[in-house]
Amino acid sequence: MNASHSLYSHLFAIVRFDLPINAENVLDAVSVVKVFQEKEAAEAEAMRLRMINDESKCIYQVQTSRLIPVTGEHMA
């Protein structure tokens, strides 16, 4: 866990970007494909997806995020 955000567990999302991204398709061009608890697993899956979709016009990147437990204080 990263010390600067030690209150929250980190998650690693694979984000797919369908190219080209322009003003007409911005909301449809980006999607979260899968979320992992381990960075290494997310990186390996992103690499696998890049390899099997090599001919398509999309890219896969791993994005770090944090898991925020559902409590009253976070529901504002």
PDB file of N, CA and C in Angstrom:
ATOM      1  N   MET A   1       0.847  -1.172   0.000  1.00  0.00           N
ATOM      2  CA  MET A   1       0.000   0.000   0.000  1.00  0.00           C
ATOM      3  C   MET A   1       0.893   1.237   0.000  1.00  0.00           C
ATOM      4  N   ASN A   2       0.528   2.243  -0.763  1.00  0.00           N
ATOM      5  CA  ASN A   2       1.267   3.484  -0.870  1.00  0.00           C
ATOM      6  C   ASN A   2       1.130   4.273   0.429  1.00  0.00           C
ATOM      7  N   ALA A   3       2.250   4.701   1.015  1.00  0.00           N
ATOM      8  CA  ALA A   3       2.228   5.397   2.300  1.00  0.00           C
ATOM      9  C   ALA A   3       1.471   6.713   2.234  1.00  0.00           C
ATOM     10  N   SER A   4       1.492   7.397   1.091  1.00  0.00           N
ATOM     11  CA  SER A   4       0.816   8.685   0.991  1.00  0.00           C
ATOM     12  C   SER A   4      -0.706   8.548   1.014  1.00  0.00           C
ATOM     13  N   HIS A   5      -1.223   7.392   0.733  1.00  0.00           N
ATOM     14  CA  HIS A   5      -2.668   7.151   0.766  1.00  0.00           C
ATOM     15  C   HIS A   5      -2.958   5.898   1.590  1.00  0.00           C
ATOM     16  N   SER A   6      -2.292   5.757   2.710  1.00  0.00           N
ATOM     17  CA  SER A   6      -2.363   4.517   3.465  1.00  0.00           C
ATOM     18  C   SER A   6      -3.737   4.260   4.101  1.00  0.00           C
ATOM     19  N   LEU A   7      -4.625   5.238   4.101  1.00  0.00           N
ATOM     20  CA  LEU A   7      -5.962   5.010   4.644  1.00  0.00           C
ATOM     21  C   LEU A   7      -6.798   4.108   3.737  1.00  0.00           C
ATOM     22  N   TYR A   8      -6.442   4.030   2.458  1.00  0.00           N
ATOM     23  CA  TYR A   8      -7.251   3.320   1.478  1.00  0.00           C
ATOM     24  C   TYR A   8      -6.443   2.246   0.772  1.00  0.00           C
ATOM     25  N   SER A   9      -7.087   1.137   0.473  1.00  0.00           N
ATOM     26  CA  SER A   9      -6.456   0.077  -0.318  1.00  0.00           C
ATOM     27  C   SER A   9      -6.388   0.513  -1.776  1.00  0.00           C
ATOM     28  N   HIS A  10      -5.306   0.165  -2.433  1.00  0.00           N
ATOM     29  CA  HIS A  10      -5.178   0.472  -3.850  1.00  0.00           C
ATOM     30  C   HIS A  10      -5.775  -0.643  -4.693  1.00  0.00           C
ATOM     31  N   LEU A  11      -6.366  -0.231  -5.806  1.00  0.00           N
ATOM     32  CA  LEU A  11      -6.854  -1.132  -6.833  1.00  0.00           C
ATOM     33  C   LEU A  11      -6.214  -0.704  -8.143  1.00  0.00           C
ATOM     34  N   PHE A  12      -6.174  -1.624  -9.111  1.00  0.00           N
ATOM     35  CA  PHE A  12      -5.516  -1.345 -10.374  1.00  0.00           C
ATOM     36  C   PHE A  12      -6.488  -1.676 -11.499  1.00  0.00           C
ATOM     37  N   ALA A  13      -6.987  -0.642 -12.136  1.00  0.00           N
ATOM     38  CA  ALA A  13      -7.986  -0.794 -13.187  1.00  0.00           C
ATOM     39  C   ALA A  13      -7.318  -0.809 -14.553  1.00  0.00           C
ATOM     40  N   ILE A  14      -7.807  -1.694 -15.421  1.00  0.00           N
ATOM     41  CA  ILE A  14      -7.388  -1.664 -16.820  1.00  0.00           C
ATOM     42  C   ILE A  14      -8.398  -0.794 -17.553  1.00  0.00           C
ATOM     43  N   VAL A  15      -7.891   0.269 -18.166  1.00  0.00           N
ATOM     44  CA  VAL A  15      -8.727   1.220 -18.885  1.00  0.00           C
ATOM     45  C   VAL A  15      -8.470   1.059 -20.384  1.00  0.00           C
ATOM     46  N   ARG A  16      -9.550   0.955 -21.146  1.00  0.00           N
ATOM     47  CA  ARG A  16      -9.453   0.818 -22.606  1.00  0.00           C
ATOM     48  C   ARG A  16      -9.804   2.161 -23.244  1.00  0.00           C
ATOM     49  N   PHE A  17      -8.949   2.602 -24.157  1.00  0.00           N
ATOM     50  CA  PHE A  17      -9.171   3.821 -24.921  1.00  0.00           C
ATOM     51  C   PHE A  17      -9.367   3.426 -26.381  1.00  0.00           C
ATOM     52  N   ASP A  18     -10.559   3.695 -26.913  1.00  0.00           N
ATOM     53  CA  ASP A  18     -10.847   3.420 -28.319  1.00  0.00           C
ATOM     54  C   ASP A  18     -10.479   4.661 -29.124  1.00  0.00           C
ATOM     55  N   LEU A  19      -9.566   4.484 -30.065  1.00  0.00           N
ATOM     56  CA  LEU A  19      -9.046   5.605 -30.845  1.00  0.00           C
ATOM     57  C   LEU A  19      -9.736   5.687 -32.202  1.00  0.00           C
ATOM     58  N   PRO A  20      -9.850   6.864 -32.753  1.00  0.00           N
ATOM     59  CA  PRO A  20      -9.466   8.152 -32.188  1.00  0.00           C
ATOM     60  C   PRO A  20     -10.518   8.653 -31.204  1.00  0.00           C
ATOM     61  N   ILE A  21     -10.077   9.373 -30.220  1.00  0.00           N
ATOM     62  CA  ILE A  21     -10.991  10.009 -29.264  1.00  0.00           C
ATOM     63  C   ILE A  21     -11.217  11.430 -29.747  1.00  0.00           C
ATOM     64  N   ASN A  22     -12.489  11.779 -29.912  1.00  0.00           N
ATOM     65  CA  ASN A  22     -12.818  13.138 -30.331  1.00  0.00           C
ATOM     66  C   ASN A  22     -14.058  13.601 -29.576  1.00  0.00           C
ATOM     67  N   ALA A  23     -14.469  14.812 -29.825  1.00  0.00           N
ATOM     68  CA  ALA A  23     -15.582  15.408 -29.079  1.00  0.00           C
ATOM     69  C   ALA A  23     -16.883  14.618 -29.228  1.00  0.00           C
ATOM     70  N   GLU A  24     -17.073  13.951 -30.343  1.00  0.00           N
ATOM     71  CA  GLU A  24     -18.320  13.219 -30.580  1.00  0.00           C
ATOM     72  C   GLU A  24     -18.393  11.891 -29.827  1.00  0.00           C
ATOM     73  N   ASN A  25     -17.246  11.283 -29.495  1.00  0.00           N
ATOM     74  CA  ASN A  25     -17.301   9.955 -28.871  1.00  0.00           C
ATOM     75  C   ASN A  25     -16.569   9.860 -27.541  1.00  0.00           C
ATOM     76  N   VAL A  26     -16.311  10.977 -26.903  1.00  0.00           N
ATOM     77  CA  VAL A  26     -15.500  10.956 -25.684  1.00  0.00           C
ATOM     78  C   VAL A  26     -16.054  10.015 -24.617  1.00  0.00           C
ATOM     79  N   LEU A  27     -17.344  10.017 -24.377  1.00  0.00           N
ATOM     80  CA  LEU A  27     -17.924   9.181 -23.333  1.00  0.00           C
ATOM     81  C   LEU A  27     -17.919   7.705 -23.696  1.00  0.00           C
ATOM     82  N   ASP A  28     -17.975   7.397 -24.974  1.00  0.00           N
ATOM     83  CA  ASP A  28     -17.969   6.006 -25.422  1.00  0.00           C
ATOM     84  C   ASP A  28     -16.567   5.482 -25.694  1.00  0.00           C
ATOM     85  N   ALA A  29     -15.566   6.344 -25.713  1.00  0.00           N
ATOM     86  CA  ALA A  29     -14.215   5.955 -26.110  1.00  0.00           C
ATOM     87  C   ALA A  29     -13.358   5.442 -24.961  1.00  0.00           C
ATOM     88  N   VAL A  30     -13.808   5.609 -23.738  1.00  0.00           N
ATOM     89  CA  VAL A  30     -13.024   5.193 -22.578  1.00  0.00           C
ATOM     90  C   VAL A  30     -13.876   4.287 -21.709  1.00  0.00           C
ATOM     91  N   SER A  31     -13.314   3.126 -21.327  1.00  0.00           N
ATOM     92  CA  SER A  31     -14.062   2.219 -20.462  1.00  0.00           C
ATOM     93  C   SER A  31     -13.117   1.466 -19.530  1.00  0.00           C
ATOM     94  N   VAL A  32     -13.610   1.173 -18.345  1.00  0.00           N
ATOM     95  CA  VAL A  32     -12.870   0.342 -17.401  1.00  0.00           C
ATOM     96  C   VAL A  32     -13.221  -1.101 -17.738  1.00  0.00           C
ATOM     97  N   VAL A  33     -12.191  -1.880 -18.067  1.00  0.00           N
ATOM     98  CA  VAL A  33     -12.404  -3.248 -18.519  1.00  0.00           C
ATOM     99  C   VAL A  33     -12.437  -4.223 -17.347  1.00  0.00           C
ATOM    100  N   LYS A  34     -11.423  -4.132 -16.483  1.00  0.00           N
ATOM    101  CA  LYS A  34     -11.304  -5.023 -15.334  1.00  0.00           C
ATOM    102  C   LYS A  34     -10.586  -4.276 -14.223  1.00  0.00           C
ATOM    103  N   VAL A  35     -10.778  -4.740 -12.986  1.00  0.00           N
ATOM    104  CA  VAL A  35     -10.109  -4.147 -11.826  1.00  0.00           C
ATOM    105  C   VAL A  35      -9.458  -5.274 -11.027  1.00  0.00           C
ATOM    106  N   PHE A  36      -8.205  -5.043 -10.641  1.00  0.00           N
ATOM    107  CA  PHE A  36      -7.421  -6.047  -9.919  1.00  0.00           C
ATOM    108  C   PHE A  36      -6.935  -5.489  -8.586  1.00  0.00           C
ATOM    109  N   GLN A  37      -6.695  -6.381  -7.643  1.00  0.00           N
ATOM    110  CA  GLN A  37      -6.105  -5.993  -6.366  1.00  0.00           C
ATOM    111  C   GLN A  37      -4.586  -5.949  -6.435  1.00  0.00           C
ATOM    112  N   GLU A  38      -4.003  -6.660  -7.382  1.00  0.00           N
ATOM    113  CA  GLU A  38      -2.546  -6.737  -7.518  1.00  0.00           C
ATOM    114  C   GLU A  38      -2.098  -6.019  -8.782  1.00  0.00           C
ATOM    115  N   LYS A  39      -1.129  -5.123  -8.644  1.00  0.00           N
ATOM    116  CA  LYS A  39      -0.623  -4.365  -9.788  1.00  0.00           C
ATOM    117  C   LYS A  39      -0.031  -5.291 -10.843  1.00  0.00           C
ATOM    118  N   GLU A  40       0.703  -6.307 -10.412  1.00  0.00           N
ATOM    119  CA  GLU A  40       1.349  -7.217 -11.352  1.00  0.00           C
ATOM    120  C   GLU A  40       0.318  -7.956 -12.208  1.00  0.00           C
ATOM    121  N   ALA A  41      -0.781  -8.364 -11.601  1.00  0.00           N
ATOM    122  CA  ALA A  41      -1.837  -9.057 -12.341  1.00  0.00           C
ATOM    123  C   ALA A  41      -2.485  -8.117 -13.359  1.00  0.00           C
ATOM    124  N   ALA A  42      -2.704  -6.872 -12.964  1.00  0.00           N
ATOM    125  CA  ALA A  42      -3.291  -5.894 -13.883  1.00  0.00           C
ATOM    126  C   ALA A  42      -2.350  -5.615 -15.050  1.00  0.00           C
ATOM    127  N   GLU A  43      -1.066  -5.459 -14.763  1.00  0.00           N
ATOM    128  CA  GLU A  43      -0.087  -5.211 -15.827  1.00  0.00           C
ATOM    129  C   GLU A  43      -0.025  -6.391 -16.797  1.00  0.00           C
ATOM    130  N   ALA A  44      -0.042  -7.608 -16.274  1.00  0.00           N
ATOM    131  CA  ALA A  44       0.013  -8.793 -17.128  1.00  0.00           C
ATOM    132  C   ALA A  44      -1.231  -8.891 -18.009  1.00  0.00           C
ATOM    133  N   GLU A  45      -2.398  -8.607 -17.445  1.00  0.00           N
ATOM    134  CA  GLU A  45      -3.636  -8.674 -18.222  1.00  0.00           C
ATOM    135  C   GLU A  45      -3.682  -7.564 -19.272  1.00  0.00           C
ATOM    136  N   ALA A  46      -3.223  -6.373 -18.928  1.00  0.00           N
ATOM    137  CA  ALA A  46      -3.177  -5.285 -19.903  1.00  0.00           C
ATOM    138  C   ALA A  46      -2.255  -5.652 -21.065  1.00  0.00           C
ATOM    139  N   MET A  47      -1.128  -6.269 -20.775  1.00  0.00           N
ATOM    140  CA  MET A  47      -0.209  -6.697 -21.821  1.00  0.00           C
ATOM    141  C   MET A  47      -0.857  -7.761 -22.707  1.00  0.00           C
ATOM    142  N   ARG A  48      -1.562  -8.710 -22.085  1.00  0.00           N
ATOM    143  CA  ARG A  48      -2.252  -9.755 -22.848  1.00  0.00           C
ATOM    144  C   ARG A  48      -3.296  -9.135 -23.779  1.00  0.00           C
ATOM    145  N   LEU A  49      -4.071  -8.189 -23.258  1.00  0.00           N
ATOM    146  CA  LEU A  49      -5.096  -7.538 -24.073  1.00  0.00           C
ATOM    147  C   LEU A  49      -4.477  -6.743 -25.217  1.00  0.00           C
ATOM    148  N   ARG A  50      -3.356  -6.080 -24.957  1.00  0.00           N
ATOM    149  CA  ARG A  50      -2.660  -5.361 -26.022  1.00  0.00           C
ATOM    150  C   ARG A  50      -2.234  -6.320 -27.128  1.00  0.00           C
ATOM    151  N   MET A  51      -1.741  -7.486 -26.732  1.00  0.00           N
ATOM    152  CA  MET A  51      -1.247  -8.455 -27.715  1.00  0.00           C
ATOM    153  C   MET A  51      -2.380  -9.043 -28.555  1.00  0.00           C
ATOM    154  N   ILE A  52      -3.491  -9.424 -27.922  1.00  0.00           N
ATOM    155  CA  ILE A  52      -4.572 -10.058 -28.687  1.00  0.00           C
ATOM    156  C   ILE A  52      -5.387  -9.043 -29.479  1.00  0.00           C
ATOM    157  N   ASN A  53      -5.296  -7.772 -29.122  1.00  0.00           N
ATOM    158  CA  ASN A  53      -6.030  -6.721 -29.838  1.00  0.00           C
ATOM    159  C   ASN A  53      -5.079  -5.815 -30.613  1.00  0.00           C
ATOM    160  N   ASP A  54      -3.952  -6.366 -31.000  1.00  0.00           N
ATOM    161  CA  ASP A  54      -2.899  -5.596 -31.653  1.00  0.00           C
ATOM    162  C   ASP A  54      -3.371  -4.885 -32.915  1.00  0.00           C
ATOM    163  N   GLU A  55      -4.295  -5.481 -33.635  1.00  0.00           N
ATOM    164  CA  GLU A  55      -4.773  -4.909 -34.898  1.00  0.00           C
ATOM    165  C   GLU A  55      -5.869  -3.857 -34.698  1.00  0.00           C
ATOM    166  N   SER A  56      -6.471  -3.828 -33.526  1.00  0.00           N
ATOM    167  CA  SER A  56      -7.579  -2.890 -33.295  1.00  0.00           C
ATOM    168  C   SER A  56      -7.053  -1.505 -32.935  1.00  0.00           C
ATOM    169  N   LYS A  57      -7.938  -0.545 -33.024  1.00  0.00           N
ATOM    170  CA  LYS A  57      -7.562   0.833 -32.714  1.00  0.00           C
ATOM    171  C   LYS A  57      -7.930   1.159 -31.274  1.00  0.00           C
ATOM    172  N   CYS A  58      -7.331   0.414 -30.356  1.00  0.00           N
ATOM    173  CA  CYS A  58      -7.558   0.679 -28.940  1.00  0.00           C
ATOM    174  C   CYS A  58      -6.264   0.420 -28.177  1.00  0.00           C
ATOM    175  N   ILE A  59      -6.164   1.049 -27.033  1.00  0.00           N
ATOM    176  CA  ILE A  59      -5.011   0.820 -26.168  1.00  0.00           C
ATOM    177  C   ILE A  59      -5.526   0.498 -24.764  1.00  0.00           C
ATOM    178  N   TYR A  60      -4.729  -0.256 -24.034  1.00  0.00           N
ATOM    179  CA  TYR A  60      -5.067  -0.650 -22.666  1.00  0.00           C
ATOM    180  C   TYR A  60      -3.983  -0.131 -21.740  1.00  0.00           C
ATOM    181  N   GLN A  61      -4.392   0.564 -20.695  1.00  0.00           N
ATOM    182  CA  GLN A  61      -3.462   1.101 -19.718  1.00  0.00           C
ATOM    183  C   GLN A  61      -3.942   0.740 -18.315  1.00  0.00           C
ATOM    184  N   VAL A  62      -2.991   0.610 -17.398  1.00  0.00           N
ATOM    185  CA  VAL A  62      -3.336   0.345 -15.996  1.00  0.00           C
ATOM    186  C   VAL A  62      -3.381   1.677 -15.263  1.00  0.00           C
ATOM    187  N   GLN A  63      -4.464   1.889 -14.546  1.00  0.00           N
ATOM    188  CA  GLN A  63      -4.655   3.111 -13.765  1.00  0.00           C
ATOM    189  C   GLN A  63      -4.844   2.730 -12.306  1.00  0.00           C
ATOM    190  N   THR A  64      -4.064   3.343 -11.430  1.00  0.00           N
ATOM    191  CA  THR A  64      -4.192   3.096  -9.992  1.00  0.00           C
ATOM    192  C   THR A  64      -5.353   3.909  -9.439  1.00  0.00           C
ATOM    193  N   SER A  65      -6.117   3.282  -8.566  1.00  0.00           N
ATOM    194  CA  SER A  65      -7.210   3.961  -7.892  1.00  0.00           C
ATOM    195  C   SER A  65      -7.231   3.499  -6.440  1.00  0.00           C
ATOM    196  N   ARG A  66      -8.181   3.985  -5.676  1.00  0.00           N
ATOM    197  CA  ARG A  66      -8.289   3.608  -4.273  1.00  0.00           C
ATOM    198  C   ARG A  66      -9.694   3.082  -3.997  1.00  0.00           C
ATOM    199  N   LEU A  67      -9.752   2.107  -3.113  1.00  0.00           N
ATOM    200  CA  LEU A  67     -11.030   1.544  -2.694  1.00  0.00           C
ATOM    201  C   LEU A  67     -11.504   2.312  -1.466  1.00  0.00           C
ATOM    202  N   ILE A  68     -12.646   2.958  -1.602  1.00  0.00           N
ATOM    203  CA  ILE A  68     -13.223   3.726  -0.501  1.00  0.00           C
ATOM    204  C   ILE A  68     -14.395   2.931   0.060  1.00  0.00           C
ATOM    205  N   PRO A  69     -14.301   2.515   1.316  1.00  0.00           N
ATOM    206  CA  PRO A  69     -15.415   1.754   1.914  1.00  0.00           C
ATOM    207  C   PRO A  69     -16.676   2.614   1.972  1.00  0.00           C
ATOM    208  N   VAL A  70     -17.821   1.981   1.825  1.00  0.00           N
ATOM    209  CA  VAL A  70     -19.083   2.699   1.880  1.00  0.00           C
ATOM    210  C   VAL A  70     -19.437   2.936   3.344  1.00  0.00           C
ATOM    211  N   THR A  71     -19.374   4.200   3.718  1.00  0.00           N
ATOM    212  CA  THR A  71     -19.762   4.617   5.066  1.00  0.00           C
ATOM    213  C   THR A  71     -20.508   5.939   4.944  1.00  0.00           C
ATOM    214  N   GLY A  72     -21.141   6.348   5.987  1.00  0.00           N
ATOM    215  CA  GLY A  72     -21.877   7.607   5.982  1.00  0.00           C
ATOM    216  C   GLY A  72     -21.011   8.810   5.671  1.00  0.00           C
ATOM    217  N   GLU A  73     -19.756   8.811   6.131  1.00  0.00           N
ATOM    218  CA  GLU A  73     -18.892   9.977   5.933  1.00  0.00           C
ATOM    219  C   GLU A  73     -18.485  10.169   4.478  1.00  0.00           C
ATOM    220  N   HIS A  74     -18.543   9.129   3.656  1.00  0.00           N
ATOM    221  CA  HIS A  74     -18.156   9.241   2.245  1.00  0.00           C
ATOM    222  C   HIS A  74     -19.354   9.455   1.328  1.00  0.00           C
ATOM    223  N   MET A  75     -20.523   9.581   1.881  1.00  0.00           N
ATOM    224  CA  MET A  75     -21.741   9.672   1.073  1.00  0.00           C
ATOM    225  C   MET A  75     -22.227  11.098   0.888  1.00  0.00           C
ATOM    226  N   ALA A  76     -21.397  12.077   1.145  1.00  0.00           N
ATOM    227  CA  ALA A  76     -21.825  13.492   1.027  1.00  0.00           C
ATOM    228  C   ALA A  76     -22.007  13.910  -0.406  1.00  0.00           C
TER     229      ALA A  76
END
